[in-house]
Amino acid sequence: MKQLTATQLKAWLDDPSREPPLLLDVREPWEFDVVRIPDAKLVPMRAIPARHQELARDAETVVICHHGARSYQVALFLEQQGFGNVINLYGGMAAWSRDVDPAAPTY
């Protein structure tokens, strides 16, 4: 399982020479409403088994949750479904708020 830190993701998103990844946020809608990374797509963890077909199997996909545990489980599931470019955001939105955007709300 590939993982990256919040600061590594920020550097990727800020690099105009790199295609941005699909940011797949698997938190609950209320969590997404509190704080999110711009352009993230919300598909709650419980909906992934029914909706993973909506995602491009070959797209570089960074899976995001609050602390990194749910996203890790979703990333493993997606890999088992044949997705080849799945990356877990280590530390999740908590790390993003702490290390990248201290002004972002926390919960």
PDB file of N, CA and C in Angstrom:
ATOM      1  N   MET A   1       0.839  -1.183   0.000  1.00  0.00           N
ATOM      2  CA  MET A   1       0.000   0.000   0.000  1.00  0.00           C
ATOM      3  C   MET A   1       0.885   1.247   0.000  1.00  0.00           C
ATOM      4  N   LYS A   2       0.698   2.074  -1.006  1.00  0.00           N
ATOM      5  CA  LYS A   2       1.428   3.333  -1.071  1.00  0.00           C
ATOM      6  C   LYS A   2       0.758   4.347  -0.140  1.00  0.00           C
ATOM      7  N   GLN A   3       1.583   5.159   0.498  1.00  0.00           N
ATOM      8  CA  GLN A   3       1.077   6.230   1.353  1.00  0.00           C
ATOM      9  C   GLN A   3       1.886   7.486   1.084  1.00  0.00           C
ATOM     10  N   LEU A   4       1.280   8.632   1.356  1.00  0.00           N
ATOM     11  CA  LEU A   4       2.026   9.873   1.308  1.00  0.00           C
ATOM     12  C   LEU A   4       1.543  10.771   2.422  1.00  0.00           C
ATOM     13  N   THR A   5       2.408  11.699   2.800  1.00  0.00           N
ATOM     14  CA  THR A   5       2.084  12.623   3.881  1.00  0.00           C
ATOM     15  C   THR A   5       1.304  13.804   3.316  1.00  0.00           C
ATOM     16  N   ALA A   6       0.742  14.575   4.212  1.00  0.00           N
ATOM     17  CA  ALA A   6       0.004  15.770   3.805  1.00  0.00           C
ATOM     18  C   ALA A   6       0.922  16.762   3.086  1.00  0.00           C
ATOM     19  N   THR A   7       2.139  16.925   3.561  1.00  0.00           N
ATOM     20  CA  THR A   7       3.057  17.860   2.900  1.00  0.00           C
ATOM     21  C   THR A   7       3.466  17.348   1.523  1.00  0.00           C
ATOM     22  N   GLN A   8       3.618  16.042   1.360  1.00  0.00           N
ATOM     23  CA  GLN A   8       3.910  15.487   0.036  1.00  0.00           C
ATOM     24  C   GLN A   8       2.740  15.703  -0.920  1.00  0.00           C
ATOM     25  N   LEU A   9       1.509  15.527  -0.420  1.00  0.00           N
ATOM     26  CA  LEU A   9       0.331  15.761  -1.257  1.00  0.00           C
ATOM     27  C   LEU A   9       0.252  17.226  -1.647  1.00  0.00           C
ATOM     28  N   LYS A  10       0.498  18.127  -0.723  1.00  0.00           N
ATOM     29  CA  LYS A  10       0.460  19.564  -1.024  1.00  0.00           C
ATOM     30  C   LYS A  10       1.475  19.911  -2.114  1.00  0.00           C
ATOM     31  N   ALA A  11       2.689  19.354  -2.014  1.00  0.00           N
ATOM     32  CA  ALA A  11       3.708  19.609  -3.034  1.00  0.00           C
ATOM     33  C   ALA A  11       3.252  19.090  -4.399  1.00  0.00           C
ATOM     34  N   TRP A  12       2.619  17.928  -4.426  1.00  0.00           N
ATOM     35  CA  TRP A  12       2.097  17.359  -5.668  1.00  0.00           C
ATOM     36  C   TRP A  12       1.027  18.285  -6.256  1.00  0.00           C
ATOM     37  N   LEU A  13       0.087  18.705  -5.426  1.00  0.00           N
ATOM     38  CA  LEU A  13      -0.991  19.560  -5.911  1.00  0.00           C
ATOM     39  C   LEU A  13      -0.474  20.913  -6.401  1.00  0.00           C
ATOM     40  N   ASP A  14       0.616  21.390  -5.828  1.00  0.00           N
ATOM     41  CA  ASP A  14       1.185  22.681  -6.207  1.00  0.00           C
ATOM     42  C   ASP A  14       2.129  22.599  -7.405  1.00  0.00           C
ATOM     43  N   ASP A  15       2.434  21.395  -7.878  1.00  0.00           N
ATOM     44  CA  ASP A  15       3.383  21.190  -8.971  1.00  0.00           C
ATOM     45  C   ASP A  15       2.655  21.218 -10.314  1.00  0.00           C
ATOM     46  N   PRO A  16       2.803  22.304 -11.090  1.00  0.00           N
ATOM     47  CA  PRO A  16       2.072  22.401 -12.360  1.00  0.00           C
ATOM     48  C   PRO A  16       2.528  21.386 -13.403  1.00  0.00           C
ATOM     49  N   SER A  17       3.674  20.757 -13.198  1.00  0.00           N
ATOM     50  CA  SER A  17       4.159  19.770 -14.166  1.00  0.00           C
ATOM     51  C   SER A  17       3.552  18.385 -13.944  1.00  0.00           C
ATOM     52  N   ARG A  18       2.844  18.212 -12.836  1.00  0.00           N
ATOM     53  CA  ARG A  18       2.234  16.906 -12.528  1.00  0.00           C
ATOM     54  C   ARG A  18       0.719  16.979 -12.651  1.00  0.00           C
ATOM     55  N   GLU A  19       0.154  15.940 -13.225  1.00  0.00           N
ATOM     56  CA  GLU A  19      -1.296  15.813 -13.287  1.00  0.00           C
ATOM     57  C   GLU A  19      -1.814  15.635 -11.861  1.00  0.00           C
ATOM     58  N   PRO A  20      -2.804  16.414 -11.445  1.00  0.00           N
ATOM     59  CA  PRO A  20      -3.313  16.225 -10.072  1.00  0.00           C
ATOM     60  C   PRO A  20      -4.020  14.876  -9.947  1.00  0.00           C
ATOM     61  N   PRO A  21      -3.946  14.288  -8.764  1.00  0.00           N
ATOM     62  CA  PRO A  21      -4.624  13.013  -8.549  1.00  0.00           C
ATOM     63  C   PRO A  21      -6.119  13.223  -8.318  1.00  0.00           C
ATOM     64  N   LEU A  22      -6.861  12.141  -8.414  1.00  0.00           N
ATOM     65  CA  LEU A  22      -8.236  12.144  -7.930  1.00  0.00           C
ATOM     66  C   LEU A  22      -8.142  12.131  -6.411  1.00  0.00           C
ATOM     67  N   LEU A  23      -8.763  13.094  -5.759  1.00  0.00           N
ATOM     68  CA  LEU A  23      -8.806  13.150  -4.296  1.00  0.00           C
ATOM     69  C   LEU A  23     -10.122  12.539  -3.867  1.00  0.00           C
ATOM     70  N   LEU A  24     -10.068  11.328  -3.342  1.00  0.00           N
ATOM     71  CA  LEU A  24     -11.258  10.575  -2.955  1.00  0.00           C
ATOM     72  C   LEU A  24     -11.423  10.649  -1.442  1.00  0.00           C
ATOM     73  N   ASP A  25     -12.381  11.442  -1.000  1.00  0.00           N
ATOM     74  CA  ASP A  25     -12.632  11.636   0.426  1.00  0.00           C
ATOM     75  C   ASP A  25     -13.714  10.650   0.851  1.00  0.00           C
ATOM     76  N   VAL A  26     -13.377   9.773   1.799  1.00  0.00           N
ATOM     77  CA  VAL A  26     -14.301   8.704   2.200  1.00  0.00           C
ATOM     78  C   VAL A  26     -14.937   8.958   3.569  1.00  0.00           C
ATOM     79  N   ARG A  27     -14.855  10.198   4.036  1.00  0.00           N
ATOM     80  CA  ARG A  27     -15.481  10.536   5.317  1.00  0.00           C
ATOM     81  C   ARG A  27     -16.984  10.702   5.142  1.00  0.00           C
ATOM     82  N   GLU A  28     -17.656  10.973   6.233  1.00  0.00           N
ATOM     83  CA  GLU A  28     -19.090  11.214   6.214  1.00  0.00           C
ATOM     84  C   GLU A  28     -19.364  12.627   5.699  1.00  0.00           C
ATOM     85  N   PRO A  29     -20.552  12.870   5.125  1.00  0.00           N
ATOM     86  CA  PRO A  29     -20.864  14.209   4.610  1.00  0.00           C
ATOM     87  C   PRO A  29     -20.674  15.325   5.639  1.00  0.00           C
ATOM     88  N   TRP A  30     -21.039  15.089   6.894  1.00  0.00           N
ATOM     89  CA  TRP A  30     -20.886  16.153   7.888  1.00  0.00           C
ATOM     90  C   TRP A  30     -19.410  16.498   8.093  1.00  0.00           C
ATOM     91  N   GLU A  31     -18.518  15.502   8.012  1.00  0.00           N
ATOM     92  CA  GLU A  31     -17.084  15.758   8.157  1.00  0.00           C
ATOM     93  C   GLU A  31     -16.571  16.571   6.963  1.00  0.00           C
ATOM     94  N   PHE A  32     -17.023  16.201   5.778  1.00  0.00           N
ATOM     95  CA  PHE A  32     -16.654  16.882   4.542  1.00  0.00           C
ATOM     96  C   PHE A  32     -17.107  18.340   4.588  1.00  0.00           C
ATOM     97  N   ASP A  33     -18.274  18.583   5.200  1.00  0.00           N
ATOM     98  CA  ASP A  33     -18.783  19.948   5.335  1.00  0.00           C
ATOM     99  C   ASP A  33     -17.931  20.793   6.276  1.00  0.00           C
ATOM    100  N   VAL A  34     -17.278  20.163   7.254  1.00  0.00           N
ATOM    101  CA  VAL A  34     -16.443  20.892   8.213  1.00  0.00           C
ATOM    102  C   VAL A  34     -15.148  21.355   7.558  1.00  0.00           C
ATOM    103  N   VAL A  35     -14.486  20.438   6.852  1.00  0.00           N
ATOM    104  CA  VAL A  35     -13.198  20.747   6.220  1.00  0.00           C
ATOM    105  C   VAL A  35     -12.941  19.758   5.095  1.00  0.00           C
ATOM    106  N   ARG A  36     -12.353  20.269   4.015  1.00  0.00           N
ATOM    107  CA  ARG A  36     -12.017  19.400   2.879  1.00  0.00           C
ATOM    108  C   ARG A  36     -10.862  20.002   2.107  1.00  0.00           C
ATOM    109  N   ILE A  37     -10.206  19.154   1.341  1.00  0.00           N
ATOM    110  CA  ILE A  37      -9.188  19.624   0.406  1.00  0.00           C
ATOM    111  C   ILE A  37      -9.928  20.042  -0.858  1.00  0.00           C
ATOM    112  N   PRO A  38      -9.614  21.209  -1.408  1.00  0.00           N
ATOM    113  CA  PRO A  38     -10.306  21.651  -2.625  1.00  0.00           C
ATOM    114  C   PRO A  38     -10.268  20.585  -3.726  1.00  0.00           C
ATOM    115  N   ASP A  39     -11.387  20.456  -4.418  1.00  0.00           N
ATOM    116  CA  ASP A  39     -11.564  19.524  -5.542  1.00  0.00           C
ATOM    117  C   ASP A  39     -11.681  18.060  -5.135  1.00  0.00           C
ATOM    118  N   ALA A  40     -11.767  17.777  -3.838  1.00  0.00           N
ATOM    119  CA  ALA A  40     -11.953  16.387  -3.414  1.00  0.00           C
ATOM    120  C   ALA A  40     -13.360  15.911  -3.765  1.00  0.00           C
ATOM    121  N   LYS A  41     -13.447  14.621  -4.100  1.00  0.00           N
ATOM    122  CA  LYS A  41     -14.728  13.985  -4.412  1.00  0.00           C
ATOM    123  C   LYS A  41     -15.156  13.194  -3.184  1.00  0.00           C
ATOM    124  N   LEU A  42     -16.354  13.448  -2.699  1.00  0.00           N
ATOM    125  CA  LEU A  42     -16.868  12.747  -1.534  1.00  0.00           C
ATOM    126  C   LEU A  42     -17.607  11.479  -1.955  1.00  0.00           C
ATOM    127  N   VAL A  43     -17.119  10.336  -1.458  1.00  0.00           N
ATOM    128  CA  VAL A  43     -17.827   9.061  -1.553  1.00  0.00           C
ATOM    129  C   VAL A  43     -17.616   8.389  -0.194  1.00  0.00           C
ATOM    130  N   PRO A  44     -18.602   8.487   0.702  1.00  0.00           N
ATOM    131  CA  PRO A  44     -18.420   7.921   2.039  1.00  0.00           C
ATOM    132  C   PRO A  44     -18.016   6.441   1.990  1.00  0.00           C
ATOM    133  N   MET A  45     -17.213   6.040   2.959  1.00  0.00           N
ATOM    134  CA  MET A  45     -16.685   4.678   3.010  1.00  0.00           C
ATOM    135  C   MET A  45     -17.776   3.633   2.803  1.00  0.00           C
ATOM    136  N   ARG A  46     -18.902   3.804   3.437  1.00  0.00           N
ATOM    137  CA  ARG A  46     -19.973   2.807   3.346  1.00  0.00           C
ATOM    138  C   ARG A  46     -20.528   2.673   1.931  1.00  0.00           C
ATOM    139  N   ALA A  47     -20.327   3.702   1.094  1.00  0.00           N
ATOM    140  CA  ALA A  47     -20.840   3.680  -0.277  1.00  0.00           C
ATOM    141  C   ALA A  47     -19.829   3.149  -1.287  1.00  0.00           C
ATOM    142  N   ILE A  48     -18.589   2.984  -0.886  1.00  0.00           N
ATOM    143  CA  ILE A  48     -17.544   2.567  -1.829  1.00  0.00           C
ATOM    144  C   ILE A  48     -17.866   1.233  -2.515  1.00  0.00           C
ATOM    145  N   PRO A  49     -18.304   0.177  -1.796  1.00  0.00           N
ATOM    146  CA  PRO A  49     -18.580  -1.078  -2.509  1.00  0.00           C
ATOM    147  C   PRO A  49     -19.601  -0.929  -3.643  1.00  0.00           C
ATOM    148  N   ALA A  50     -20.581  -0.068  -3.461  1.00  0.00           N
ATOM    149  CA  ALA A  50     -21.608   0.118  -4.486  1.00  0.00           C
ATOM    150  C   ALA A  50     -21.204   1.130  -5.552  1.00  0.00           C
ATOM    151  N   ARG A  51     -20.259   2.011  -5.238  1.00  0.00           N
ATOM    152  CA  ARG A  51     -19.951   3.115  -6.154  1.00  0.00           C
ATOM    153  C   ARG A  51     -18.544   3.101  -6.730  1.00  0.00           C
ATOM    154  N   HIS A  52     -17.715   2.114  -6.378  1.00  0.00           N
ATOM    155  CA  HIS A  52     -16.332   2.144  -6.859  1.00  0.00           C
ATOM    156  C   HIS A  52     -16.233   2.067  -8.381  1.00  0.00           C
ATOM    157  N   GLN A  53     -17.284   1.578  -9.040  1.00  0.00           N
ATOM    158  CA  GLN A  53     -17.269   1.504 -10.498  1.00  0.00           C
ATOM    159  C   GLN A  53     -17.287   2.897 -11.134  1.00  0.00           C
ATOM    160  N   GLU A  54     -17.667   3.918 -10.364  1.00  0.00           N
ATOM    161  CA  GLU A  54     -17.680   5.296 -10.865  1.00  0.00           C
ATOM    162  C   GLU A  54     -16.265   5.861 -11.022  1.00  0.00           C
ATOM    163  N   LEU A  55     -15.298   5.203 -10.416  1.00  0.00           N
ATOM    164  CA  LEU A  55     -13.924   5.712 -10.388  1.00  0.00           C
ATOM    165  C   LEU A  55     -13.096   5.087 -11.505  1.00  0.00           C
ATOM    166  N   ALA A  56     -12.158   5.850 -12.034  1.00  0.00           N
ATOM    167  CA  ALA A  56     -11.265   5.335 -13.074  1.00  0.00           C
ATOM    168  C   ALA A  56     -10.205   4.438 -12.434  1.00  0.00           C
ATOM    169  N   ARG A  57     -10.123   3.210 -12.893  1.00  0.00           N
ATOM    170  CA  ARG A  57      -9.190   2.235 -12.307  1.00  0.00           C
ATOM    171  C   ARG A  57      -7.728   2.627 -12.468  1.00  0.00           C
ATOM    172  N   ASP A  58      -7.406   3.389 -13.522  1.00  0.00           N
ATOM    173  CA  ASP A  58      -6.012   3.720 -13.777  1.00  0.00           C
ATOM    174  C   ASP A  58      -5.620   5.114 -13.276  1.00  0.00           C
ATOM    175  N   ALA A  59      -6.571   5.855 -12.743  1.00  0.00           N
ATOM    176  CA  ALA A  59      -6.270   7.209 -12.256  1.00  0.00           C
ATOM    177  C   ALA A  59      -5.469   7.142 -10.958  1.00  0.00           C
ATOM    178  N   GLU A  60      -4.501   8.053 -10.829  1.00  0.00           N
ATOM    179  CA  GLU A  60      -3.813   8.163  -9.548  1.00  0.00           C
ATOM    180  C   GLU A  60      -4.838   8.713  -8.559  1.00  0.00           C
ATOM    181  N   THR A  61      -5.099   7.947  -7.517  1.00  0.00           N
ATOM    182  CA  THR A  61      -6.166   8.257  -6.574  1.00  0.00           C
ATOM    183  C   THR A  61      -5.599   8.323  -5.167  1.00  0.00           C
ATOM    184  N   VAL A  62      -5.779   9.478  -4.520  1.00  0.00           N
ATOM    185  CA  VAL A  62      -5.379   9.641  -3.122  1.00  0.00           C
ATOM    186  C   VAL A  62      -6.646   9.539  -2.294  1.00  0.00           C
ATOM    187  N   VAL A  63      -6.670   8.563  -1.373  1.00  0.00           N
ATOM    188  CA  VAL A  63      -7.836   8.327  -0.533  1.00  0.00           C
ATOM    189  C   VAL A  63      -7.624   9.050   0.793  1.00  0.00           C
ATOM    190  N   ILE A  64      -8.679   9.779   1.229  1.00  0.00           N
ATOM    191  CA  ILE A  64      -8.585  10.689   2.369  1.00  0.00           C
ATOM    192  C   ILE A  64      -9.684  10.375   3.386  1.00  0.00           C
ATOM    193  N   CYS A  65      -9.326  10.393   4.671  1.00  0.00           N
ATOM    194  CA  CYS A  65     -10.328  10.354   5.748  1.00  0.00           C
ATOM    195  C   CYS A  65      -9.843  11.281   6.866  1.00  0.00           C
ATOM    196  N   HIS A  66     -10.324  11.079   8.075  1.00  0.00           N
ATOM    197  CA  HIS A  66      -9.966  11.968   9.186  1.00  0.00           C
ATOM    198  C   HIS A  66      -8.530  11.742   9.664  1.00  0.00           C
ATOM    199  N   HIS A  67      -8.184  10.485   9.973  1.00  0.00           N
ATOM    200  CA  HIS A  67      -6.856  10.177  10.506  1.00  0.00           C
ATOM    201  C   HIS A  67      -6.049   9.208   9.647  1.00  0.00           C
ATOM    202  N   GLY A  68      -6.645   8.628   8.623  1.00  0.00           N
ATOM    203  CA  GLY A  68      -5.926   7.718   7.742  1.00  0.00           C
ATOM    204  C   GLY A  68      -6.295   6.258   7.855  1.00  0.00           C
ATOM    205  N   ALA A  69      -7.139   5.888   8.815  1.00  0.00           N
ATOM    206  CA  ALA A  69      -7.502   4.478   8.995  1.00  0.00           C
ATOM    207  C   ALA A  69      -8.589   4.036   8.008  1.00  0.00           C
ATOM    208  N   ARG A  70      -9.661   4.801   7.906  1.00  0.00           N
ATOM    209  CA  ARG A  70     -10.718   4.453   6.947  1.00  0.00           C
ATOM    210  C   ARG A  70     -10.187   4.497   5.530  1.00  0.00           C
ATOM    211  N   SER A  71      -9.406   5.514   5.229  1.00  0.00           N
ATOM    212  CA  SER A  71      -8.872   5.637   3.870  1.00  0.00           C
ATOM    213  C   SER A  71      -7.941   4.469   3.545  1.00  0.00           C
ATOM    214  N   TYR A  72      -7.190   3.999   4.514  1.00  0.00           N
ATOM    215  CA  TYR A  72      -6.314   2.842   4.315  1.00  0.00           C
ATOM    216  C   TYR A  72      -7.151   1.619   3.958  1.00  0.00           C
ATOM    217  N   GLN A  73      -8.244   1.409   4.681  1.00  0.00           N
ATOM    218  CA  GLN A  73      -9.119   0.264   4.396  1.00  0.00           C
ATOM    219  C   GLN A  73      -9.744   0.376   3.007  1.00  0.00           C
ATOM    220  N   VAL A  74     -10.174   1.576   2.645  1.00  0.00           N
ATOM    221  CA  VAL A  74     -10.760   1.783   1.314  1.00  0.00           C
ATOM    222  C   VAL A  74      -9.705   1.565   0.238  1.00  0.00           C
ATOM    223  N   ALA A  75      -8.500   2.064   0.463  1.00  0.00           N
ATOM    224  CA  ALA A  75      -7.433   1.874  -0.517  1.00  0.00           C
ATOM    225  C   ALA A  75      -7.141   0.390  -0.724  1.00  0.00           C
ATOM    226  N   LEU A  76      -7.106  -0.378   0.355  1.00  0.00           N
ATOM    227  CA  LEU A  76      -6.911  -1.827   0.233  1.00  0.00           C
ATOM    228  C   LEU A  76      -8.043  -2.461  -0.576  1.00  0.00           C
ATOM    229  N   PHE A  77      -9.265  -2.067  -0.289  1.00  0.00           N
ATOM    230  CA  PHE A  77     -10.415  -2.587  -1.031  1.00  0.00           C
ATOM    231  C   PHE A  77     -10.282  -2.268  -2.518  1.00  0.00           C
ATOM    232  N   LEU A  78      -9.941  -1.018  -2.835  1.00  0.00           N
ATOM    233  CA  LEU A  78      -9.812  -0.621  -4.239  1.00  0.00           C
ATOM    234  C   LEU A  78      -8.703  -1.413  -4.934  1.00  0.00           C
ATOM    235  N   GLU A  79      -7.594  -1.625  -4.247  1.00  0.00           N
ATOM    236  CA  GLU A  79      -6.529  -2.444  -4.822  1.00  0.00           C
ATOM    237  C   GLU A  79      -7.037  -3.855  -5.124  1.00  0.00           C
ATOM    238  N   GLN A  80      -7.827  -4.413  -4.221  1.00  0.00           N
ATOM    239  CA  GLN A  80      -8.383  -5.756  -4.429  1.00  0.00           C
ATOM    240  C   GLN A  80      -9.353  -5.786  -5.610  1.00  0.00           C
ATOM    241  N   GLN A  81      -9.921  -4.630  -5.949  1.00  0.00           N
ATOM    242  CA  GLN A  81     -10.841  -4.535  -7.083  1.00  0.00           C
ATOM    243  C   GLN A  81     -10.106  -4.246  -8.388  1.00  0.00           C
ATOM    244  N   GLY A  82      -8.779  -4.170  -8.342  1.00  0.00           N
ATOM    245  CA  GLY A  82      -8.003  -3.972  -9.550  1.00  0.00           C
ATOM    246  C   GLY A  82      -7.524  -2.558  -9.816  1.00  0.00           C
ATOM    247  N   PHE A  83      -7.706  -1.661  -8.865  1.00  0.00           N
ATOM    248  CA  PHE A  83      -7.201  -0.304  -9.012  1.00  0.00           C
ATOM    249  C   PHE A  83      -5.693  -0.333  -8.771  1.00  0.00           C
ATOM    250  N   GLY A  84      -4.922   0.243  -9.697  1.00  0.00           N
ATOM    251  CA  GLY A  84      -3.480   0.109  -9.623  1.00  0.00           C
ATOM    252  C   GLY A  84      -2.722   1.295  -9.061  1.00  0.00           C
ATOM    253  N   ASN A  85      -3.358   2.445  -8.960  1.00  0.00           N
ATOM    254  CA  ASN A  85      -2.657   3.669  -8.546  1.00  0.00           C
ATOM    255  C   ASN A  85      -3.334   4.311  -7.342  1.00  0.00           C
ATOM    256  N   VAL A  86      -3.494   3.549  -6.275  1.00  0.00           N
ATOM    257  CA  VAL A  86      -4.184   4.035  -5.086  1.00  0.00           C
ATOM    258  C   VAL A  86      -3.161   4.374  -4.009  1.00  0.00           C
ATOM    259  N   ILE A  87      -3.348   5.536  -3.403  1.00  0.00           N
ATOM    260  CA  ILE A  87      -2.422   6.030  -2.377  1.00  0.00           C
ATOM    261  C   ILE A  87      -3.235   6.498  -1.180  1.00  0.00           C
ATOM    262  N   ASN A  88      -2.826   6.104   0.013  1.00  0.00           N
ATOM    263  CA  ASN A  88      -3.480   6.545   1.243  1.00  0.00           C
ATOM    264  C   ASN A  88      -2.825   7.825   1.746  1.00  0.00           C
ATOM    265  N   LEU A  89      -3.667   8.795   2.159  1.00  0.00           N
ATOM    266  CA  LEU A  89      -3.135  10.008   2.793  1.00  0.00           C
ATOM    267  C   LEU A  89      -2.858   9.684   4.259  1.00  0.00           C
ATOM    268  N   TYR A  90      -1.593   9.501   4.584  1.00  0.00           N
ATOM    269  CA  TYR A  90      -1.179   9.148   5.935  1.00  0.00           C
ATOM    270  C   TYR A  90      -1.504  10.289   6.892  1.00  0.00           C
ATOM    271  N   GLY A  91      -2.268   9.995   7.918  1.00  0.00           N
ATOM    272  CA  GLY A  91      -2.638  11.010   8.904  1.00  0.00           C
ATOM    273  C   GLY A  91      -3.903  11.770   8.561  1.00  0.00           C
ATOM    274  N   GLY A  92      -4.399  11.599   7.329  1.00  0.00           N
ATOM    275  CA  GLY A  92      -5.674  12.152   6.918  1.00  0.00           C
ATOM    276  C   GLY A  92      -5.786  13.666   7.030  1.00  0.00           C
ATOM    277  N   MET A  93      -7.041  14.105   7.158  1.00  0.00           N
ATOM    278  CA  MET A  93      -7.318  15.539   7.249  1.00  0.00           C
ATOM    279  C   MET A  93      -6.732  16.146   8.513  1.00  0.00           C
ATOM    280  N   ALA A  94      -6.573  15.364   9.563  1.00  0.00           N
ATOM    281  CA  ALA A  94      -5.948  15.885  10.781  1.00  0.00           C
ATOM    282  C   ALA A  94      -4.521  16.334  10.476  1.00  0.00           C
ATOM    283  N   ALA A  95      -3.784  15.528   9.702  1.00  0.00           N
ATOM    284  CA  ALA A  95      -2.417  15.892   9.314  1.00  0.00           C
ATOM    285  C   ALA A  95      -2.428  17.080   8.359  1.00  0.00           C
ATOM    286  N   TRP A  96      -3.413  17.120   7.448  1.00  0.00           N
ATOM    287  CA  TRP A  96      -3.512  18.253   6.519  1.00  0.00           C
ATOM    288  C   TRP A  96      -3.692  19.556   7.307  1.00  0.00           C
ATOM    289  N   SER A  97      -4.604  19.538   8.266  1.00  0.00           N
ATOM    290  CA  SER A  97      -4.855  20.742   9.069  1.00  0.00           C
ATOM    291  C   SER A  97      -3.636  21.113   9.913  1.00  0.00           C
ATOM    292  N   ARG A  98      -2.947  20.126  10.419  1.00  0.00           N
ATOM    293  CA  ARG A  98      -1.777  20.377  11.276  1.00  0.00           C
ATOM    294  C   ARG A  98      -0.562  20.835  10.463  1.00  0.00           C
ATOM    295  N   ASP A  99      -0.283  20.164   9.335  1.00  0.00           N
ATOM    296  CA  ASP A  99       0.984  20.350   8.628  1.00  0.00           C
ATOM    297  C   ASP A  99       0.910  21.252   7.394  1.00  0.00           C
ATOM    298  N   VAL A 100      -0.282  21.390   6.808  1.00  0.00           N
ATOM    299  CA  VAL A 100      -0.397  22.136   5.549  1.00  0.00           C
ATOM    300  C   VAL A 100      -1.211  23.408   5.715  1.00  0.00           C
ATOM    301  N   ASP A 101      -2.358  23.296   6.357  1.00  0.00           N
ATOM    302  CA  ASP A 101      -3.281  24.432   6.448  1.00  0.00           C
ATOM    303  C   ASP A 101      -3.764  24.609   7.885  1.00  0.00           C
ATOM    304  N   PRO A 102      -2.936  25.219   8.730  1.00  0.00           N
ATOM    305  CA  PRO A 102      -3.317  25.387  10.140  1.00  0.00           C
ATOM    306  C   PRO A 102      -4.612  26.184  10.348  1.00  0.00           C
ATOM    307  N   ALA A 103      -5.039  26.941   9.339  1.00  0.00           N
ATOM    308  CA  ALA A 103      -6.287  27.698   9.452  1.00  0.00           C
ATOM    309  C   ALA A 103      -7.498  26.817   9.180  1.00  0.00           C
ATOM    310  N   ALA A 104      -7.285  25.620   8.673  1.00  0.00           N
ATOM    311  CA  ALA A 104      -8.404  24.719   8.375  1.00  0.00           C
ATOM    312  C   ALA A 104      -9.052  24.254   9.675  1.00  0.00           C
ATOM    313  N   PRO A 105     -10.382  24.170   9.679  1.00  0.00           N
ATOM    314  CA  PRO A 105     -11.069  23.703  10.877  1.00  0.00           C
ATOM    315  C   PRO A 105     -10.687  22.275  11.242  1.00  0.00           C
ATOM    316  N   THR A 106     -10.696  21.992  12.518  1.00  0.00           N
ATOM    317  CA  THR A 106     -10.464  20.629  13.002  1.00  0.00           C
ATOM    318  C   THR A 106     -11.689  20.184  13.775  1.00  0.00           C
ATOM    319  N   TYR A 107     -11.775  18.886  13.968  1.00  0.00           N
ATOM    320  CA  TYR A 107     -12.905  18.330  14.721  1.00  0.00           C
ATOM    321  C   TYR A 107     -12.486  17.074  15.423  1.00  0.00           C
TER     322      TYR A 107
END
